[in-house]
Amino acid sequence: MTEYGVWIIILAVGYTFALIVAGQIAKRRLTKKDSYFVGNRNFNKWIVAFCITGLFSGSTFISILELSYLSGISAIWYGMAEMVQIFIIALLIIRSFRKKMLVTVSGLIGDKFGRTAKGLSGAITAFAFPMWSVATAIAFASAFHVFTGISLSLSVAFTAILLFIYLQAGGMWSIAFTQTMNMVLFGLMIAIGIIAFFINPGISGLAALNLERPEMFDFGSVGLQVIVVWFGTFLVNVILAQAAFQMALSSRTPEEGQKGLIMAGFMAIPFIVGGVLFGISAAVVVPNASTGLIAIPLYLMEVLPAPLVGLFFLGVWGCALGWGGPCQFSGATSLGRDVGSAIKPTASGDQLIKYTKISLLLLTGLMILFGLLRTEQSAWWNVFAWTIRNSATFAPVVAALFWPVVTKRAVVASLFTGFTSGLLWYYLGGWNPQEFYMNIHPVWVGSSINILTITLVTLTDNKSEWNFRKTDRFGYLALTTGLLFTIINVLYFQTFYQNGLFGLFMFAAILCYFIAAIRFVRPAEARAFRRETAAV
């Protein structure tokens, strides 16, 4: 074991011990039945901002580190997509969801469409969250592997177990304590990274890399389809970002949650810029590493003493906790609270907390399994998890919020077909992060089938009572826009297909038709009610 390994173990274990103590303190705040899940809904804007920054920006920093090492400055678009998502959630989503006292997306689906939908959506959501957790755990595990010689798979397992231990303590308050403490680590990490950059390669090193590999400074080098998928995935995710909702909705008021999210959006900038800078610097100094996340510790070992490297990767450990902790906890909430209550409706609040803690253990095992299957491509794990979760739950959540004619049968069918189609499309493409089956990203296939299933089953289900509303200007606008997308997709098929845009325009057209259906197809009782009102 190297000196670097000793430092990273001492710092990581010491910091984790501090988190465990914080978790025990957090237990004192568990005064109500929902304290464990939503922190008494007593967070101020700063706690919300720290929680969201640790969640999204920590994960984004890890992904950009790896992406920029492989593809250069174009990795910045991943961070821009993340910022757009945060601001949309803050400005359009969070206030209405806070007023609904939402805890989980699967809970929202279940409250509207029954126990079967609740259990299935909760299980799918829980299955996806360990994938997000392992995405950031890989970064710390890679450094742990380089510095200690312990295998990468065992390093991921070590990270997962530490997450499990500290989350068992105080639930949402434990996460709030952790995210606040992490902000100090994040500042140190970025400062140390900047010092490393100026030592080597410096500005002159970047200039030399620009001459040798100009594609590293091309904003489109990662590929148009990949960039479009990043933005598309984050945009679809705005009404499905369960872990973010669970933290932001723990705020005292909707306004506090909104302010915290806006602050977190701006706090993301140093993580995005720093991730790109440090990843490209590693590409200059260590150009032939096996993976991007292996290159980062090798790079820092070249230019910094062991204590500073240890502190930098303590910040990376904070990123893993900041993203992986909320993801594991939110996934366990869906599995324990939502699936548990679907199976046993009479379960008490204490029983649901018990189920959630057991679920944390199960998801820890699943996280370790995912780490054994694939220990590279952190961003791929994130997008893959979004694909299978969003492909299943997008249309049901929209239906729960805006389309009362949808039946329970339609929701269950769409959950199943959306999830399986997205998963199958990835399989047909060989699980490749950049090249997809028929040049269509799985997220567009899964989400499209999800929408089509819920629409067609609703319209043909005998239990669905609806009437067609002919006069709706927004409905006609959506229908016209959908036809326009369809015509453009047909006329420019060859160009769009070659650039990986056919799937995006297909999904956009189907989404427009879905909006038109929501506007035109309304509950049958609405017409009867209007007639009775007119008669009176």
Protein backbone atom coordinates (compact mmCIF):
# COMPACT_ATOMS: atom_id res chain seq x y z
CA MET A 1 0.00 0.00 0.00
CA THR A 2 1.31 3.45 -0.93
CA GLU A 3 1.45 6.56 1.24
CA TYR A 4 -1.48 7.86 -0.82
CA GLY A 5 -3.47 4.77 0.17
CA VAL A 6 -2.82 5.36 3.87
CA TRP A 7 -4.01 8.95 3.63
CA ILE A 8 -7.18 8.13 1.72
CA ILE A 9 -8.12 5.35 4.16
CA ILE A 10 -7.50 7.53 7.23
CA LEU A 11 -9.48 10.44 5.83
CA ALA A 12 -12.35 8.35 4.44
CA VAL A 13 -12.78 6.28 7.60
CA GLY A 14 -12.50 9.36 9.84
CA TYR A 15 -15.03 11.29 7.78
CA THR A 16 -17.41 8.35 7.65
CA PHE A 17 -17.19 8.03 11.44
CA ALA A 18 -18.16 11.71 11.68
CA LEU A 19 -21.14 10.99 9.43
CA ILE A 20 -22.24 8.11 11.62
CA VAL A 21 -22.13 10.42 14.64
CA ALA A 22 -24.14 12.97 12.66
CA GLY A 23 -26.66 10.25 11.87
CA GLN A 24 -27.07 9.46 15.55
CA ILE A 25 -27.63 13.15 16.26
CA ALA A 26 -30.15 13.21 13.42
CA LYS A 27 -32.22 10.57 15.21
CA ARG A 28 -33.17 13.20 17.79
CA ARG A 29 -35.05 15.07 15.08
CA LEU A 30 -37.31 12.11 14.27
CA THR A 31 -40.40 13.42 16.03
CA LYS A 32 -43.18 12.61 13.54
CA LYS A 33 -44.12 9.60 11.45
CA ASP A 34 -42.77 11.25 8.27
CA SER A 35 -39.61 12.63 9.91
CA TYR A 36 -37.55 9.73 8.61
CA PHE A 37 -38.70 10.29 5.02
CA VAL A 38 -39.03 14.11 4.70
CA GLY A 39 -37.18 15.59 7.71
CA ASN A 40 -40.31 17.05 9.38
CA ARG A 41 -40.58 19.27 6.27
CA ASN A 42 -38.43 21.78 8.13
CA PHE A 43 -35.45 22.46 5.80
CA ASN A 44 -34.52 26.07 5.04
CA LYS A 45 -33.32 27.24 1.62
CA TRP A 46 -29.65 26.70 2.46
CA ILE A 47 -30.16 23.08 3.50
CA VAL A 48 -32.17 22.48 0.32
CA ALA A 49 -29.42 24.14 -1.76
CA PHE A 50 -26.69 22.03 -0.13
CA CYS A 51 -28.73 18.84 -0.56
CA ILE A 52 -29.46 19.46 -4.25
CA THR A 53 -25.88 20.56 -4.95
CA GLY A 54 -24.50 17.43 -3.33
CA LEU A 55 -27.01 15.34 -5.23
CA PHE A 56 -26.82 16.65 -8.81
CA SER A 57 -23.53 18.55 -8.91
CA GLY A 58 -21.54 15.86 -7.12
CA SER A 59 -22.75 13.26 -9.61
CA THR A 60 -22.22 15.62 -12.54
CA PHE A 61 -18.65 16.37 -11.41
CA ILE A 62 -17.81 12.64 -11.42
CA SER A 63 -19.39 12.09 -14.84
CA ILE A 64 -17.70 15.13 -16.36
CA LEU A 65 -14.30 14.11 -14.95
CA GLU A 66 -14.51 10.88 -16.90
CA LEU A 67 -16.21 12.30 -19.99
CA SER A 68 -13.75 15.17 -20.38
CA TYR A 69 -10.80 12.78 -20.11
CA LEU A 70 -12.28 10.76 -22.98
CA SER A 71 -13.98 13.44 -25.10
CA GLY A 72 -12.64 16.80 -23.97
CA ILE A 73 -14.52 20.03 -23.52
CA SER A 74 -17.77 18.68 -25.03
CA ALA A 75 -18.43 17.08 -21.62
CA ILE A 76 -19.59 20.52 -20.51
CA TRP A 77 -22.97 19.85 -22.18
CA TYR A 78 -23.69 17.17 -19.58
CA GLY A 79 -23.38 19.82 -16.88
CA MET A 80 -25.44 22.33 -18.83
CA ALA A 81 -28.22 19.76 -19.15
CA GLU A 82 -28.12 19.25 -15.40
CA MET A 83 -28.42 22.99 -14.74
CA VAL A 84 -31.41 23.28 -17.10
CA GLN A 85 -33.12 20.47 -15.21
CA ILE A 86 -32.58 22.11 -11.81
CA PHE A 87 -33.94 25.48 -12.95
CA ILE A 88 -37.02 23.92 -14.59
CA ILE A 89 -37.79 21.95 -11.41
CA ALA A 90 -37.36 25.13 -9.37
CA LEU A 91 -39.47 27.40 -11.57
CA LEU A 92 -42.23 25.05 -12.77
CA ILE A 93 -42.49 21.93 -10.63
CA ILE A 94 -41.49 22.18 -6.99
CA ARG A 95 -44.17 24.53 -5.64
CA SER A 96 -47.12 22.47 -6.86
CA PHE A 97 -45.51 19.21 -5.71
CA ARG A 98 -44.78 20.71 -2.25
CA LYS A 99 -48.43 21.69 -1.90
CA LYS A 100 -49.39 18.09 -2.69
CA MET A 101 -47.06 16.95 0.17
CA LEU A 102 -45.41 14.48 -2.21
CA VAL A 103 -42.86 12.00 -0.84
CA THR A 104 -42.14 9.71 -3.81
CA VAL A 105 -43.11 9.51 -7.48
CA SER A 106 -44.20 5.90 -7.03
CA GLY A 107 -46.37 7.04 -4.11
CA LEU A 108 -48.02 9.62 -6.39
CA ILE A 109 -48.77 6.92 -8.96
CA GLY A 110 -50.08 4.55 -6.30
CA ASP A 111 -52.32 7.12 -4.64
CA LYS A 112 -54.02 7.72 -8.00
CA PHE A 113 -54.01 4.26 -9.60
CA GLY A 114 -54.02 1.73 -6.79
CA ARG A 115 -51.82 -0.81 -5.06
CA THR A 116 -50.66 -2.77 -8.10
CA ALA A 117 -49.42 0.36 -9.85
CA LYS A 118 -47.85 1.56 -6.62
CA GLY A 119 -46.00 -1.70 -6.05
CA LEU A 120 -44.79 -2.04 -9.64
CA SER A 121 -43.65 1.58 -9.98
CA GLY A 122 -41.97 1.40 -6.57
CA ALA A 123 -40.09 -1.77 -7.52
CA ILE A 124 -38.92 -0.31 -10.86
CA THR A 125 -37.84 2.93 -9.19
CA ALA A 126 -35.97 1.05 -6.47
CA PHE A 127 -34.21 -1.11 -9.08
CA ALA A 128 -32.87 1.99 -10.86
CA PHE A 129 -31.49 3.88 -7.87
CA PRO A 130 -28.50 1.60 -7.08
CA MET A 131 -27.36 2.19 -10.68
CA TRP A 132 -27.12 5.92 -9.95
CA SER A 133 -25.35 5.16 -6.69
CA VAL A 134 -22.73 2.94 -8.31
CA ALA A 135 -22.07 5.63 -10.94
CA THR A 136 -20.38 7.89 -8.36
CA ALA A 137 -19.09 5.09 -6.14
CA ILE A 138 -16.91 3.98 -9.08
CA ALA A 139 -14.95 7.25 -8.90
CA PHE A 140 -13.94 6.86 -5.25
CA ALA A 141 -13.46 3.13 -5.71
CA SER A 142 -11.10 3.78 -8.64
CA ALA A 143 -8.87 5.96 -6.45
CA PHE A 144 -9.08 3.44 -3.63
CA HIS A 145 -8.02 0.74 -6.10
CA VAL A 146 -5.06 2.75 -7.46
CA PHE A 147 -3.75 3.79 -4.04
CA THR A 148 -4.28 0.54 -2.12
CA GLY A 149 -4.05 -2.21 -4.72
CA ILE A 150 -7.43 -3.59 -3.62
CA SER A 151 -9.49 -4.77 -6.60
CA LEU A 152 -11.95 -2.31 -8.11
CA SER A 153 -14.91 -4.60 -7.41
CA LEU A 154 -14.04 -4.89 -3.71
CA SER A 155 -13.53 -1.13 -3.58
CA VAL A 156 -17.07 -0.60 -4.90
CA ALA A 157 -18.38 -3.04 -2.28
CA PHE A 158 -16.52 -1.13 0.46
CA THR A 159 -18.11 2.13 -0.72
CA ALA A 160 -21.60 0.58 -0.82
CA ILE A 161 -21.29 -0.78 2.71
CA LEU A 162 -20.22 2.61 4.08
CA LEU A 163 -23.28 4.17 2.44
CA PHE A 164 -25.50 1.57 4.07
CA ILE A 165 -24.05 2.12 7.55
CA TYR A 166 -24.56 5.87 7.65
CA LEU A 167 -28.01 5.86 6.01
CA GLN A 168 -29.35 3.46 8.63
CA ALA A 169 -29.06 6.16 11.24
CA GLY A 170 -31.30 9.20 10.72
CA GLY A 171 -32.94 9.05 7.30
CA MET A 172 -33.49 12.41 5.61
CA TRP A 173 -31.92 14.37 8.47
CA SER A 174 -28.81 12.21 8.15
CA ILE A 175 -28.63 13.16 4.45
CA ALA A 176 -29.09 16.86 5.29
CA PHE A 177 -26.22 16.75 7.81
CA THR A 178 -24.02 14.94 5.32
CA GLN A 179 -24.70 17.31 2.42
CA THR A 180 -23.93 20.33 4.59
CA MET A 181 -20.62 18.82 5.70
CA ASN A 182 -19.85 17.85 2.11
CA MET A 183 -19.92 21.47 0.94
CA VAL A 184 -16.66 22.12 2.82
CA LEU A 185 -15.08 19.09 1.17
CA PHE A 186 -16.26 20.20 -2.26
CA GLY A 187 -14.60 23.59 -1.84
CA LEU A 188 -11.31 21.96 -0.79
CA MET A 189 -11.50 19.46 -3.66
CA ILE A 190 -11.96 22.12 -6.33
CA ALA A 191 -9.23 24.32 -4.83
CA ILE A 192 -6.77 21.42 -4.77
CA GLY A 193 -7.67 20.51 -8.34
CA ILE A 194 -6.92 24.06 -9.49
CA ILE A 195 -3.53 23.92 -7.74
CA ALA A 196 -2.76 20.65 -9.52
CA PHE A 197 -3.74 22.17 -12.87
CA PHE A 198 -1.34 25.12 -12.53
CA ILE A 199 1.49 22.82 -11.45
CA ASN A 200 0.96 20.51 -14.42
CA PRO A 201 -0.11 20.85 -17.22
CA GLY A 202 -0.91 24.55 -16.83
CA ILE A 203 -2.17 26.75 -19.64
CA SER A 204 0.81 25.87 -21.83
CA GLY A 205 0.00 22.17 -21.49
CA LEU A 206 -3.55 22.74 -22.69
CA ALA A 207 -2.23 24.74 -25.64
CA ALA A 208 0.05 21.85 -26.58
CA LEU A 209 -2.85 19.37 -26.29
CA ASN A 210 -4.91 21.58 -28.59
CA LEU A 211 -2.24 21.21 -31.26
CA GLU A 212 -1.87 17.46 -30.80
CA ARG A 213 -5.55 16.57 -30.28
CA PRO A 214 -7.77 19.45 -31.45
CA GLU A 215 -10.87 17.27 -31.08
CA MET A 216 -10.49 17.60 -27.29
CA PHE A 217 -11.45 21.28 -27.65
CA ASP A 218 -14.36 20.65 -30.00
CA PHE A 219 -17.69 21.30 -28.26
CA GLY A 220 -19.31 18.60 -30.39
CA SER A 221 -16.68 15.87 -30.15
CA VAL A 222 -18.77 13.59 -27.94
CA GLY A 223 -21.39 13.35 -30.71
CA LEU A 224 -24.64 15.18 -31.39
CA GLN A 225 -26.83 12.21 -30.48
CA VAL A 226 -25.19 11.81 -27.07
CA ILE A 227 -25.58 15.53 -26.30
CA VAL A 228 -29.23 15.45 -27.37
CA VAL A 229 -29.82 12.39 -25.19
CA TRP A 230 -28.31 14.17 -22.18
CA PHE A 231 -30.65 17.14 -22.56
CA GLY A 232 -33.64 14.96 -23.46
CA THR A 233 -33.08 12.66 -20.50
CA PHE A 234 -32.72 15.53 -18.02
CA LEU A 235 -35.80 17.30 -19.47
CA VAL A 236 -37.98 14.18 -19.20
CA ASN A 237 -36.62 13.72 -15.69
CA VAL A 238 -37.96 17.06 -14.41
CA ILE A 239 -41.24 15.50 -13.25
CA LEU A 240 -39.58 12.26 -12.14
CA ALA A 241 -36.56 13.46 -10.10
CA GLN A 242 -37.69 11.64 -6.98
CA ALA A 243 -34.53 12.00 -4.87
CA ALA A 244 -34.42 15.74 -5.61
CA PHE A 245 -38.13 16.08 -4.82
CA GLN A 246 -37.74 14.22 -1.55
CA MET A 247 -35.06 16.68 -0.40
CA ALA A 248 -36.55 19.89 -1.82
CA LEU A 249 -40.02 18.94 -0.56
CA SER A 250 -38.59 18.63 2.95
CA SER A 251 -38.54 22.45 2.98
CA ARG A 252 -40.59 24.54 5.37
CA THR A 253 -42.53 26.18 2.54
CA PRO A 254 -42.75 25.84 -1.25
CA GLU A 255 -40.91 29.18 -1.55
CA GLU A 256 -37.98 27.93 0.55
CA GLY A 257 -37.68 24.83 -1.63
CA GLN A 258 -37.78 26.92 -4.80
CA LYS A 259 -35.11 29.35 -3.57
CA GLY A 260 -32.87 26.46 -2.53
CA LEU A 261 -33.13 24.86 -5.97
CA ILE A 262 -32.27 28.11 -7.77
CA MET A 263 -29.24 28.56 -5.53
CA ALA A 264 -28.18 24.98 -6.26
CA GLY A 265 -28.40 25.63 -9.99
CA PHE A 266 -25.79 28.37 -9.74
CA MET A 267 -23.68 26.35 -7.30
CA ALA A 268 -23.30 23.73 -10.05
CA ILE A 269 -21.03 26.00 -12.15
CA PRO A 270 -17.74 25.34 -10.28
CA PHE A 271 -18.35 21.58 -10.45
CA ILE A 272 -18.94 21.70 -14.22
CA VAL A 273 -15.94 23.90 -15.02
CA GLY A 274 -13.70 22.07 -12.56
CA GLY A 275 -14.70 18.65 -13.89
CA VAL A 276 -13.83 19.64 -17.46
CA LEU A 277 -10.54 21.27 -16.45
CA PHE A 278 -9.31 18.40 -14.28
CA GLY A 279 -10.36 15.71 -16.77
CA ILE A 280 -8.53 17.39 -19.66
CA SER A 281 -5.48 17.97 -17.42
CA ALA A 282 -5.38 14.25 -16.68
CA ALA A 283 -5.55 13.57 -20.44
CA VAL A 284 -2.39 15.67 -20.88
CA VAL A 285 -0.36 14.10 -18.07
CA VAL A 286 -1.68 10.50 -18.18
CA PRO A 287 -2.88 10.00 -21.77
CA ASN A 288 -3.10 6.20 -21.87
CA ALA A 289 -4.98 5.18 -18.71
CA SER A 290 -7.39 2.25 -18.93
CA THR A 291 -10.37 4.42 -17.88
CA GLY A 292 -10.96 8.08 -17.20
CA LEU A 293 -11.59 7.54 -13.50
CA ILE A 294 -8.36 5.57 -13.16
CA ALA A 295 -6.47 8.41 -14.88
CA ILE A 296 -7.50 11.04 -12.30
CA PRO A 297 -5.71 9.49 -9.28
CA LEU A 298 -2.69 8.64 -11.44
CA TYR A 299 -2.56 12.28 -12.59
CA LEU A 300 -2.78 13.71 -9.09
CA MET A 301 -0.09 11.34 -7.84
CA GLU A 302 2.21 12.87 -10.46
CA VAL A 303 1.80 16.46 -9.25
CA LEU A 304 0.67 16.61 -5.60
CA PRO A 305 1.84 15.28 -2.21
CA ALA A 306 -0.15 12.50 -0.53
CA PRO A 307 -2.09 14.66 2.00
CA LEU A 308 -3.49 16.91 -0.74
CA VAL A 309 -4.38 13.95 -2.94
CA GLY A 310 -6.12 12.39 0.05
CA LEU A 311 -8.15 15.55 0.61
CA PHE A 312 -9.09 15.76 -3.08
CA PHE A 313 -10.45 12.22 -3.04
CA LEU A 314 -12.16 12.83 0.26
CA GLY A 315 -14.10 15.39 -1.79
CA VAL A 316 -14.76 12.69 -4.38
CA TRP A 317 -15.99 10.47 -1.54
CA GLY A 318 -18.26 13.37 -0.60
CA CYS A 319 -19.58 13.38 -4.18
CA ALA A 320 -20.26 9.65 -3.93
CA LEU A 321 -22.12 10.18 -0.66
CA GLY A 322 -23.89 13.30 -1.92
CA TRP A 323 -25.36 11.43 -4.90
CA GLY A 324 -25.30 7.81 -3.80
CA GLY A 325 -26.69 8.44 -0.31
CA PRO A 326 -29.91 10.19 -1.42
CA CYS A 327 -30.30 7.72 -4.30
CA GLN A 328 -30.03 4.68 -2.01
CA PHE A 329 -32.34 6.29 0.53
CA SER A 330 -34.93 7.35 -2.04
CA GLY A 331 -34.84 3.94 -3.70
CA ALA A 332 -35.26 2.28 -0.32
CA THR A 333 -38.20 4.60 0.38
CA SER A 334 -39.90 3.44 -2.82
CA LEU A 335 -39.20 -0.20 -2.04
CA GLY A 336 -39.90 -0.13 1.69
CA ARG A 337 -42.60 2.51 1.99
CA ASP A 338 -44.43 2.19 -1.34
CA VAL A 339 -44.01 -1.48 -2.23
CA GLY A 340 -44.36 -2.36 1.46
CA SER A 341 -47.64 -0.47 1.83
CA ALA A 342 -48.88 -1.91 -1.49
CA ILE A 343 -48.33 -5.43 -0.19
CA LYS A 344 -49.51 -4.65 3.35
CA PRO A 345 -51.89 -1.64 3.34
CA THR A 346 -52.37 -1.84 7.11
CA ALA A 347 -48.65 -1.37 7.87
CA SER A 348 -47.93 1.27 10.52
CA GLY A 349 -45.44 4.11 10.14
CA ASP A 350 -42.88 2.26 12.26
CA GLN A 351 -43.29 -0.86 10.15
CA LEU A 352 -42.73 1.14 6.94
CA ILE A 353 -39.51 2.57 8.41
CA LYS A 354 -38.43 -0.98 9.24
CA TYR A 355 -39.20 -2.10 5.68
CA THR A 356 -37.20 0.86 4.36
CA LYS A 357 -34.14 -0.06 6.44
CA ILE A 358 -34.35 -3.64 5.19
CA SER A 359 -34.68 -2.27 1.66
CA LEU A 360 -31.46 -0.28 2.17
CA LEU A 361 -29.66 -3.55 2.79
CA LEU A 362 -31.19 -5.14 -0.31
CA LEU A 363 -30.27 -2.16 -2.50
CA THR A 364 -26.73 -2.21 -1.10
CA GLY A 365 -26.39 -5.78 -2.35
CA LEU A 366 -27.80 -4.72 -5.72
CA MET A 367 -25.35 -1.82 -5.90
CA ILE A 368 -22.43 -4.18 -5.28
CA LEU A 369 -23.75 -6.50 -8.00
CA PHE A 370 -23.94 -3.63 -10.50
CA GLY A 371 -20.40 -2.64 -9.56
CA LEU A 372 -19.21 -6.16 -10.36
CA LEU A 373 -20.95 -6.10 -13.74
CA ARG A 374 -19.45 -2.81 -14.96
CA THR A 375 -16.80 -0.71 -13.23
CA GLU A 376 -16.37 1.99 -15.86
CA GLN A 377 -18.46 4.58 -17.73
CA SER A 378 -19.96 6.44 -14.78
CA ALA A 379 -22.14 8.60 -17.05
CA TRP A 380 -23.47 5.44 -18.76
CA TRP A 381 -24.83 4.12 -15.47
CA ASN A 382 -26.62 7.44 -14.88
CA VAL A 383 -28.23 7.54 -18.32
CA PHE A 384 -29.08 3.83 -18.21
CA ALA A 385 -30.87 4.24 -14.87
CA TRP A 386 -32.78 7.27 -16.16
CA THR A 387 -33.76 5.29 -19.25
CA ILE A 388 -35.35 2.33 -17.48
CA ARG A 389 -36.97 4.40 -14.70
CA ASN A 390 -38.24 7.24 -16.89
CA SER A 391 -39.37 4.88 -19.65
CA ALA A 392 -41.65 3.23 -17.11
CA THR A 393 -42.94 6.12 -15.01
CA PHE A 394 -43.09 9.17 -17.31
CA ALA A 395 -46.58 8.66 -18.78
CA PRO A 396 -48.14 7.40 -15.49
CA VAL A 397 -46.91 10.51 -13.63
CA VAL A 398 -48.25 12.81 -16.36
CA ALA A 399 -51.53 10.91 -16.22
CA ALA A 400 -51.72 11.20 -12.43
CA LEU A 401 -51.27 14.95 -12.68
CA PHE A 402 -53.22 15.88 -15.82
CA TRP A 403 -55.37 13.06 -17.29
CA PRO A 404 -58.10 11.69 -15.01
CA VAL A 405 -59.58 9.31 -17.63
CA VAL A 406 -56.60 6.93 -17.44
CA THR A 407 -57.40 3.51 -15.98
CA LYS A 408 -55.44 1.38 -13.55
CA ARG A 409 -55.02 -1.28 -16.24
CA ALA A 410 -53.46 1.27 -18.62
CA VAL A 411 -50.97 2.45 -15.99
CA VAL A 412 -49.84 -1.06 -15.06
CA ALA A 413 -49.46 -1.97 -18.75
CA SER A 414 -47.43 1.18 -19.51
CA LEU A 415 -45.15 0.62 -16.51
CA PHE A 416 -44.35 -2.87 -17.75
CA THR A 417 -43.95 -2.12 -21.47
CA GLY A 418 -41.93 1.06 -20.94
CA PHE A 419 -39.49 -0.62 -18.57
CA THR A 420 -39.02 -3.78 -20.63
CA SER A 421 -38.71 -1.98 -23.99
CA GLY A 422 -36.00 0.38 -22.74
CA LEU A 423 -34.10 -2.53 -21.19
CA LEU A 424 -34.51 -4.68 -24.33
CA TRP A 425 -33.28 -1.88 -26.62
CA TYR A 426 -30.11 -1.51 -24.55
CA TYR A 427 -29.59 -5.28 -24.78
CA LEU A 428 -30.02 -5.24 -28.57
CA GLY A 429 -27.39 -2.49 -28.73
CA GLY A 430 -24.89 -4.52 -26.73
CA TRP A 431 -25.17 -2.15 -23.72
CA ASN A 432 -22.95 0.30 -25.62
CA PRO A 433 -22.77 3.85 -24.14
CA GLN A 434 -22.49 5.66 -27.48
CA GLU A 435 -23.69 3.34 -30.26
CA PHE A 436 -27.31 2.17 -30.16
CA TYR A 437 -29.45 -0.40 -31.91
CA MET A 438 -30.77 1.09 -35.17
CA ASN A 439 -29.04 4.31 -34.12
CA ILE A 440 -31.93 5.14 -31.75
CA HIS A 441 -31.24 5.70 -28.07
CA PRO A 442 -33.22 3.37 -25.76
CA VAL A 443 -34.70 6.31 -23.82
CA TRP A 444 -36.68 7.41 -26.89
CA VAL A 445 -37.94 3.88 -27.54
CA GLY A 446 -38.95 3.16 -23.95
CA SER A 447 -40.60 6.54 -23.37
CA SER A 448 -42.49 6.37 -26.68
CA ILE A 449 -43.84 2.87 -25.97
CA ASN A 450 -44.74 4.01 -22.45
CA ILE A 451 -46.88 6.86 -23.85
CA LEU A 452 -48.45 4.78 -26.62
CA THR A 453 -49.39 1.99 -24.23
CA ILE A 454 -51.09 4.20 -21.66
CA THR A 455 -52.98 6.07 -24.40
CA LEU A 456 -54.16 3.07 -26.41
CA VAL A 457 -55.16 0.98 -23.40
CA THR A 458 -57.04 3.91 -21.87
CA LEU A 459 -58.98 4.59 -25.07
CA THR A 460 -59.93 0.91 -25.55
CA ASP A 461 -60.52 -0.02 -21.91
CA ASN A 462 -64.21 -0.63 -21.11
CA LYS A 463 -63.70 0.84 -17.63
CA SER A 464 -62.57 4.17 -19.06
CA GLU A 465 -65.36 6.74 -19.21
CA TRP A 466 -64.52 9.63 -21.46
CA ASN A 467 -65.91 12.07 -24.00
CA PHE A 468 -64.23 13.80 -26.91
CA ARG A 469 -63.91 17.56 -26.54
CA LYS A 470 -63.76 19.04 -30.03
CA THR A 471 -63.04 22.66 -29.15
CA ASP A 472 -59.62 22.97 -27.52
CA ARG A 473 -57.06 25.28 -29.11
CA PHE A 474 -54.14 23.79 -27.17
CA GLY A 475 -55.18 20.33 -28.31
CA TYR A 476 -55.15 21.40 -31.96
CA LEU A 477 -51.81 23.15 -31.45
CA ALA A 478 -50.29 19.96 -29.99
CA LEU A 479 -51.80 17.86 -32.80
CA THR A 480 -50.46 20.22 -35.47
CA THR A 481 -47.01 20.26 -33.86
CA GLY A 482 -46.98 16.45 -33.72
CA LEU A 483 -47.86 16.24 -37.42
CA LEU A 484 -45.11 18.75 -38.18
CA PHE A 485 -42.52 16.67 -36.29
CA THR A 486 -43.71 13.56 -38.12
CA ILE A 487 -43.48 15.16 -41.56
CA ILE A 488 -40.00 16.57 -40.85
CA ASN A 489 -38.86 13.16 -39.59
CA VAL A 490 -40.07 11.50 -42.79
CA LEU A 491 -38.68 14.12 -45.16
CA TYR A 492 -35.26 14.22 -43.53
CA PHE A 493 -35.16 10.59 -42.45
CA GLN A 494 -31.71 9.81 -43.87
CA THR A 495 -30.07 12.86 -42.30
CA PHE A 496 -31.76 12.42 -38.93
CA TYR A 497 -31.08 8.68 -38.86
CA GLN A 498 -27.38 9.12 -39.61
CA ASN A 499 -27.04 11.76 -36.87
CA GLY A 500 -29.06 9.81 -34.32
CA LEU A 501 -31.93 12.31 -34.26
CA PHE A 502 -34.71 10.12 -35.70
CA GLY A 503 -35.61 8.72 -32.26
CA LEU A 504 -35.74 12.19 -30.71
CA PHE A 505 -38.14 13.53 -33.35
CA MET A 506 -40.22 10.34 -33.11
CA PHE A 507 -40.55 10.83 -29.33
CA ALA A 508 -41.32 14.54 -29.77
CA ALA A 509 -44.13 13.73 -32.21
CA ILE A 510 -45.60 11.05 -29.92
CA LEU A 511 -45.37 13.39 -26.95
CA CYS A 512 -47.32 16.04 -28.89
CA TYR A 513 -50.01 13.48 -29.80
CA PHE A 514 -50.13 12.51 -26.10
CA ILE A 515 -50.70 16.14 -25.10
CA ALA A 516 -53.43 16.40 -27.77
CA ALA A 517 -55.11 13.27 -26.37
CA ILE A 518 -55.01 14.72 -22.86
CA ARG A 519 -56.67 17.92 -24.11
CA PHE A 520 -59.31 16.28 -26.32
CA VAL A 521 -60.24 13.20 -24.27
CA ARG A 522 -61.87 14.31 -21.01
CA PRO A 523 -63.87 12.55 -18.27
CA ALA A 524 -67.44 11.73 -19.20
CA GLU A 525 -68.79 13.12 -15.94
CA ALA A 526 -67.40 16.54 -16.81
CA ARG A 527 -69.89 16.88 -19.69
CA ALA A 528 -72.79 15.66 -17.55
CA PHE A 529 -71.83 18.11 -14.81
CA ARG A 530 -71.77 21.03 -17.25
CA ARG A 531 -75.24 20.06 -18.55
CA GLU A 532 -76.64 19.89 -15.01
CA THR A 533 -75.08 23.26 -14.19
CA ALA A 534 -76.54 24.82 -17.36
CA ALA A 535 -79.99 23.42 -16.55
CA VAL A 536 -79.90 25.00 -13.12
